[in-house]
Protein backbone atom coordinates (compact mmCIF):
# COMPACT_ATOMS: atom_id res chain seq x y z
CA MET A 1 -13.94 11.75 -42.99
CA HIS A 2 -13.13 10.17 -46.35
CA ILE A 3 -16.84 9.95 -47.14
CA LEU A 4 -17.33 13.62 -46.28
CA LEU A 5 -14.31 14.64 -48.35
CA GLY A 6 -15.54 12.54 -51.29
CA ALA A 7 -18.99 14.05 -51.04
CA LEU A 8 -17.47 17.55 -51.05
CA VAL A 9 -15.38 16.75 -54.14
CA TYR A 10 -18.42 15.38 -55.97
CA TYR A 11 -20.48 18.41 -54.92
CA LEU A 12 -17.88 20.91 -56.13
CA GLY A 13 -17.25 18.95 -59.31
CA GLY A 14 -20.96 18.72 -60.02
CA SER A 15 -21.33 22.41 -59.29
CA MET A 16 -18.60 23.26 -61.80
CA ILE A 17 -20.21 21.12 -64.49
CA ALA A 18 -23.67 22.51 -63.78
CA GLY A 19 -22.33 26.06 -63.66
CA SER A 20 -20.53 25.68 -66.98
CA ILE A 21 -23.68 24.36 -68.67
CA LEU A 22 -25.90 27.02 -67.14
CA GLY A 23 -23.42 29.78 -67.95
CA ALA A 24 -23.37 28.79 -71.61
CA GLY A 25 -27.15 28.36 -71.69
CA PHE A 26 -27.82 31.65 -69.95
CA ALA A 27 -26.50 33.53 -72.98
CA THR A 28 -28.43 31.46 -75.53
CA ASN A 29 -32.00 31.78 -76.80
CA PHE A 30 -33.26 28.22 -77.32
CA SER A 31 -36.65 29.28 -78.64
CA GLY A 32 -37.65 27.91 -82.02
CA ARG A 33 -37.86 30.22 -85.02
CA PRO A 34 -41.35 31.07 -86.31
CA ASN A 35 -42.29 28.98 -89.32
CA ASP A 36 -44.04 30.10 -92.50
CA ARG A 37 -47.45 29.07 -91.19
CA GLN A 38 -47.00 31.23 -88.09
CA LEU A 39 -45.72 34.19 -90.08
CA ARG A 40 -48.55 34.27 -92.64
CA PRO A 41 -51.05 35.99 -90.29
CA LEU A 42 -48.48 38.73 -89.62
CA GLN A 43 -47.96 39.29 -93.31
CA ARG A 44 -51.74 39.45 -93.84
CA MET A 45 -52.24 41.95 -91.02
CA GLY A 46 -51.27 44.82 -93.30
CA THR A 47 -48.63 45.84 -95.81
CA TYR A 48 -45.50 43.88 -94.92
CA ILE A 49 -42.14 45.58 -95.50
CA PRO A 50 -39.10 43.33 -94.74
CA LEU A 51 -36.32 44.77 -92.59
CA ASN A 52 -33.26 44.78 -94.83
CA LEU A 53 -30.78 44.73 -91.97
CA ASN A 54 -27.89 42.34 -91.40
CA GLY A 55 -28.45 39.96 -88.49
CA ILE A 56 -32.15 40.84 -88.16
CA ASP A 57 -35.13 38.90 -89.50
CA GLY A 58 -38.50 40.61 -89.43
CA GLY A 59 -40.66 43.29 -90.94
CA LEU A 60 -42.65 46.47 -90.60
CA ILE A 61 -46.40 45.88 -90.79
CA ALA A 62 -48.23 49.02 -91.92
CA ARG A 63 -51.57 50.18 -93.28
CA ALA A 64 -51.36 50.69 -97.05
CA GLY A 65 -51.44 54.34 -98.10
CA GLU A 66 -51.32 55.67 -94.52
CA ARG A 67 -48.58 57.24 -92.38
CA ARG A 68 -49.05 56.07 -88.78
CA PRO A 69 -47.26 55.93 -85.43
CA THR A 70 -45.19 52.76 -85.10
CA ILE A 71 -44.25 50.37 -82.32
CA VAL A 72 -41.07 48.28 -82.37
CA TYR A 73 -41.70 45.15 -80.28
CA VAL A 74 -38.88 43.36 -78.41
CA HIS A 75 -39.55 39.82 -77.19
CA GLY A 76 -38.26 38.06 -74.10
CA ARG A 77 -35.25 35.82 -73.53
CA SER A 78 -36.73 32.40 -74.35
CA ALA A 79 -39.17 33.57 -77.00
CA ASN A 80 -39.45 34.85 -80.55
CA ARG A 81 -41.42 37.59 -82.28
CA MET A 82 -44.66 35.58 -82.05
CA GLU A 83 -44.76 36.27 -78.29
CA LEU A 84 -45.84 39.82 -79.04
CA ALA A 85 -47.94 39.15 -82.15
CA PRO A 86 -51.33 39.21 -80.33
CA LEU A 87 -50.53 42.56 -78.70
CA ALA A 88 -49.17 43.89 -82.01
CA LYS A 89 -52.44 42.94 -83.74
CA ALA A 90 -54.52 44.65 -81.04
CA MET A 91 -52.41 47.80 -81.24
CA PHE A 92 -52.46 47.71 -85.05
CA ASP A 93 -56.24 47.90 -84.87
CA GLU A 94 -55.83 50.94 -82.60
CA GLY A 95 -53.81 52.77 -85.27
CA TYR A 96 -50.21 51.69 -84.58
CA ASN A 97 -47.94 50.02 -87.13
CA ALA A 98 -45.94 47.06 -85.85
CA VAL A 99 -42.34 45.96 -86.20
CA LEU A 100 -41.92 42.30 -85.22
CA TRP A 101 -38.47 40.77 -85.50
CA ASP A 102 -35.90 38.29 -84.27
CA SER A 103 -32.15 38.33 -84.11
CA GLU A 104 -30.62 35.84 -86.53
CA SER A 105 -28.12 34.94 -83.81
CA ARG A 106 -29.18 32.94 -80.76
CA GLN A 107 -26.52 34.55 -78.58
CA ILE A 108 -27.80 37.01 -75.99
CA SER A 109 -25.64 39.88 -74.76
CA TYR A 110 -28.20 41.31 -72.30
CA GLY A 111 -27.44 44.78 -73.59
CA PRO A 112 -25.02 46.00 -76.27
CA LYS A 113 -26.05 43.78 -79.19
CA GLU A 114 -29.81 43.98 -78.66
CA ILE A 115 -29.76 47.72 -77.95
CA GLU A 116 -27.82 48.33 -81.16
CA GLN A 117 -30.28 46.17 -83.10
CA VAL A 118 -33.24 48.19 -81.81
CA ARG A 119 -31.51 51.44 -82.73
CA ARG A 120 -30.76 50.13 -86.23
CA ILE A 121 -34.40 49.14 -86.68
CA VAL A 122 -35.58 52.57 -85.53
CA GLY A 123 -33.17 54.22 -87.96
CA PHE A 124 -34.36 51.98 -90.80
CA ILE A 125 -38.10 52.56 -90.38
CA ARG A 126 -37.84 56.33 -89.82
CA SER A 127 -37.51 56.85 -93.56
CA ASP A 128 -40.40 54.59 -94.50
CA PRO A 129 -43.39 56.49 -95.96
CA HIS A 130 -45.80 54.50 -93.75
CA VAL A 131 -44.16 55.75 -90.55
CA VAL A 132 -44.62 59.05 -88.72
CA MET A 133 -40.94 59.83 -88.18
CA ASN A 134 -41.24 61.35 -84.71
CA GLU A 135 -43.80 58.83 -83.39
CA ILE A 136 -41.78 55.64 -82.93
CA PHE A 137 -42.26 53.72 -79.68
CA ILE A 138 -40.69 50.60 -78.14
CA VAL A 139 -42.67 47.89 -76.32
CA GLY A 140 -40.80 45.03 -74.66
CA PHE A 141 -41.54 41.98 -72.52
CA SER A 142 -39.10 40.75 -69.84
CA LEU A 143 -35.59 40.90 -71.38
CA GLY A 144 -37.19 42.90 -74.19
CA ALA A 145 -38.43 45.39 -71.59
CA ALA A 146 -34.90 45.75 -70.24
CA ILE A 147 -33.59 46.30 -73.78
CA ALA A 148 -36.28 48.94 -74.39
CA ILE A 149 -34.94 50.87 -71.40
CA GLY A 150 -31.36 50.46 -72.60
CA ALA A 151 -32.25 51.59 -76.14
CA ALA A 152 -34.05 54.66 -74.80
CA ALA A 153 -31.03 55.53 -72.63
CA ALA A 154 -28.73 55.22 -75.68
CA ASP A 155 -31.07 57.28 -77.87
CA THR A 156 -29.10 60.52 -77.93
CA ASP A 157 -30.84 61.56 -81.16
CA HIS A 158 -34.27 61.36 -79.47
CA ASP A 159 -35.70 59.11 -82.18
CA ILE A 160 -37.64 57.03 -79.63
CA ARG A 161 -40.76 58.86 -78.48
CA GLY A 162 -41.66 56.62 -75.54
CA ILE A 163 -41.37 53.07 -74.20
CA VAL A 164 -43.53 50.44 -72.50
CA ALA A 165 -41.50 48.01 -70.37
CA ASP A 166 -43.48 44.96 -69.20
CA SER A 167 -41.86 42.81 -66.49
CA SER A 168 -38.31 44.14 -66.73
CA TYR A 169 -35.56 43.23 -64.31
CA ALA A 170 -33.58 46.00 -62.62
CA ASN A 171 -30.35 44.11 -61.89
CA LEU A 172 -29.13 41.30 -64.17
CA LYS A 173 -27.04 39.50 -61.56
CA ASP A 174 -29.93 39.48 -59.08
CA VAL A 175 -32.36 37.93 -61.54
CA ALA A 176 -29.73 35.47 -62.82
CA SER A 177 -29.05 34.39 -59.24
CA ARG A 178 -32.76 33.77 -58.73
CA TYR A 179 -32.81 31.73 -61.93
CA MET A 180 -29.97 29.60 -60.51
CA THR A 181 -32.00 28.84 -57.37
CA ALA A 182 -34.93 27.60 -59.49
CA PHE A 183 -36.78 30.81 -58.57
CA GLY A 184 -36.27 30.38 -54.84
CA ALA A 185 -36.80 26.61 -54.57
CA ILE A 186 -33.11 25.89 -53.79
CA PRO A 187 -31.26 27.72 -50.99
CA ALA A 188 -28.80 30.28 -52.35
CA VAL A 189 -25.92 28.83 -50.31
CA VAL A 190 -26.34 25.45 -52.05
CA VAL A 191 -26.01 26.89 -55.55
CA TRP A 192 -23.26 29.39 -54.72
CA PRO A 193 -20.42 27.38 -56.36
CA ALA A 194 -22.47 26.68 -59.51
CA ARG A 195 -23.59 30.29 -59.66
CA THR A 196 -20.01 31.53 -59.43
CA VAL A 197 -18.92 29.22 -62.26
CA ALA A 198 -21.98 30.12 -64.35
CA PHE A 199 -21.25 33.84 -64.10
CA ALA A 200 -17.58 33.27 -64.94
CA THR A 201 -18.53 31.08 -67.93
CA ALA A 202 -21.02 33.63 -69.25
CA ARG A 203 -18.36 36.32 -68.94
CA ALA A 204 -15.57 34.27 -70.54
CA MET A 205 -17.59 32.68 -73.36
CA HIS A 206 -20.01 35.49 -74.20
CA GLY A 207 -18.48 38.65 -72.75
CA ILE A 208 -21.39 39.31 -70.40
CA GLU A 209 -20.28 41.89 -67.84
CA PHE A 210 -23.07 41.63 -65.28
CA ASN A 211 -22.22 44.85 -63.47
CA GLY A 212 -22.70 46.99 -66.59
CA ARG A 213 -25.99 45.58 -67.90
CA ASN A 214 -28.57 46.76 -65.43
CA PRO A 215 -31.72 48.65 -66.49
CA ALA A 216 -31.79 50.36 -63.09
CA ASP A 217 -28.48 52.01 -64.06
CA TRP A 218 -29.57 52.75 -67.63
CA ALA A 219 -32.73 54.44 -66.33
CA HIS A 220 -30.79 57.60 -65.42
CA GLY A 221 -30.12 58.22 -69.12
CA VAL A 222 -33.71 57.84 -70.34
CA THR A 223 -35.33 61.10 -71.44
CA CYS A 224 -38.55 59.86 -73.09
CA PRO A 225 -41.73 58.92 -71.18
CA VAL A 226 -41.78 55.40 -69.70
CA PHE A 227 -44.71 53.12 -68.84
CA LEU A 228 -43.67 50.24 -66.56
CA ILE A 229 -45.98 47.22 -66.18
CA HIS A 230 -45.47 44.34 -63.77
CA GLY A 231 -47.54 41.52 -62.29
CA LYS A 232 -47.63 41.52 -58.50
CA SER A 233 -47.61 37.70 -58.52
CA ASP A 234 -44.56 37.46 -60.79
CA LYS A 235 -42.37 34.65 -59.42
CA THR A 236 -39.74 34.94 -62.16
CA ILE A 237 -38.87 38.63 -61.74
CA SER A 238 -40.37 40.34 -58.70
CA TYR A 239 -42.38 43.52 -59.28
CA GLU A 240 -39.87 45.19 -56.96
CA HIS A 241 -37.50 45.32 -59.93
CA SER A 242 -39.87 47.68 -61.76
CA GLU A 243 -40.21 49.73 -58.58
CA GLN A 244 -36.42 50.11 -58.49
CA ILE A 245 -36.36 51.24 -62.11
CA LEU A 246 -39.18 53.70 -61.43
CA GLN A 247 -37.14 55.32 -58.67
CA ARG A 248 -34.15 55.78 -60.99
CA LEU A 249 -36.08 57.38 -63.86
CA ASP A 250 -35.84 61.16 -64.12
CA THR A 251 -38.52 61.61 -66.76
CA TYR A 252 -42.28 61.27 -67.07
CA LYS A 253 -43.15 57.76 -65.85
CA GLN A 254 -46.02 55.51 -64.88
CA LEU A 255 -46.10 52.15 -63.11
CA TRP A 256 -49.02 49.73 -63.35
CA LEU A 257 -48.77 46.89 -60.84
CA VAL A 258 -51.28 44.22 -61.85
CA GLU A 259 -52.82 42.20 -59.03
CA GLY A 260 -52.86 38.41 -59.31
CA THR A 261 -50.74 38.39 -62.46
CA GLY A 262 -47.53 36.48 -63.19
CA HIS A 263 -44.60 37.11 -65.49
CA THR A 264 -45.63 39.01 -68.66
CA GLU A 265 -49.22 37.84 -68.12
CA ALA A 266 -50.92 41.24 -67.86
CA PHE A 267 -51.94 41.36 -71.52
CA SER A 268 -53.17 37.76 -71.73
CA ARG A 269 -55.13 38.11 -68.47
CA SER A 270 -56.77 41.46 -69.26
CA PRO A 271 -56.22 42.29 -72.95
CA ALA A 272 -58.86 45.03 -73.19
CA GLU A 273 -57.60 46.90 -70.12
CA TYR A 274 -53.98 46.41 -71.18
CA VAL A 275 -54.56 47.85 -74.64
CA HIS A 276 -56.62 50.71 -73.22
CA ARG A 277 -53.85 51.69 -70.79
CA VAL A 278 -51.07 51.44 -73.39
CA VAL A 279 -53.06 53.36 -76.02
CA ASP A 280 -53.91 56.03 -73.46
CA PHE A 281 -50.24 56.37 -72.52
CA LEU A 282 -48.98 56.55 -76.12
CA ASN A 283 -51.74 58.86 -77.29
CA GLY A 284 -50.96 61.14 -74.35
CA ILE A 285 -47.35 61.39 -75.51
CA ARG A 286 -48.43 62.16 -79.05
CA ALA A 287 -50.80 64.88 -77.85
CA ASN A 288 -48.45 66.51 -75.34
CA GLY A 289 -45.08 66.59 -77.08
CA ARG A 290 -41.68 65.46 -75.85
CA ALA A 291 -40.86 64.27 -72.36
CA ALA A 292 -39.54 67.70 -71.37
CA GLU A 293 -43.11 68.99 -71.56
CA PHE A 294 -44.43 66.35 -69.15
CA PRO A 295 -44.41 66.76 -65.38
CA LYS A 296 -41.77 64.60 -63.70
CA GLN A 297 -43.15 62.18 -61.12
């Protein structure tokens, strides 16, 4: 009996320690910052205009002397702007300016902060002479995809023309719970105490209110066209999350489920097809006007 009680105490104590560490880490981006060597190719891609915005490090990459449609890229949770650099280069060659950036803070809010940053970036570049003011798009991977949906929902001024959301989650608590089980390797009942502490720590230390930071809920407020992309072999965030978001959207929408593809791997696995589909989607928006003129699906 004493052994069992001792084991239970150690288990609960260990769970509290693990939960506290995971809760703090869950709201932190531990990715390294891009160095000068990594940034040079971006700055050589085209005319580089720094984003003069507090808390944001990055730039608009444009074609000198031309006014073009522009894509604001939003990277994933444990990444930096370089995650989307290859796609940005491919889309730049297709006629789309790029905005690649990082938050100067490592803290992640899973919503309010990142959404506001995207909106500030959109507001900043709208006045740039290289940018077609009403042809600004958002492309995001993973957490960045979720933020793209949130930014579009908050875009009451209709400055965002359309979004591409690759491998988004629908419900933050669901995907965080899966993270706590090592993506299904540990039974949920075993990690329940640590998960409870982790959620409480993330809420207390970083103000993360899990119930209010779900792209599936934000989807109702989106009015621009949306292209969802998800790998059917994604073990990190199931493609069913994108299906849930699709069902909640009340605007023009498309979903591309990519066979045999893991988390945010669609572009790296099939870059030519990926670029073709995204270009076709964005060019269709540009040719057909605002979302109100598209058929709802």
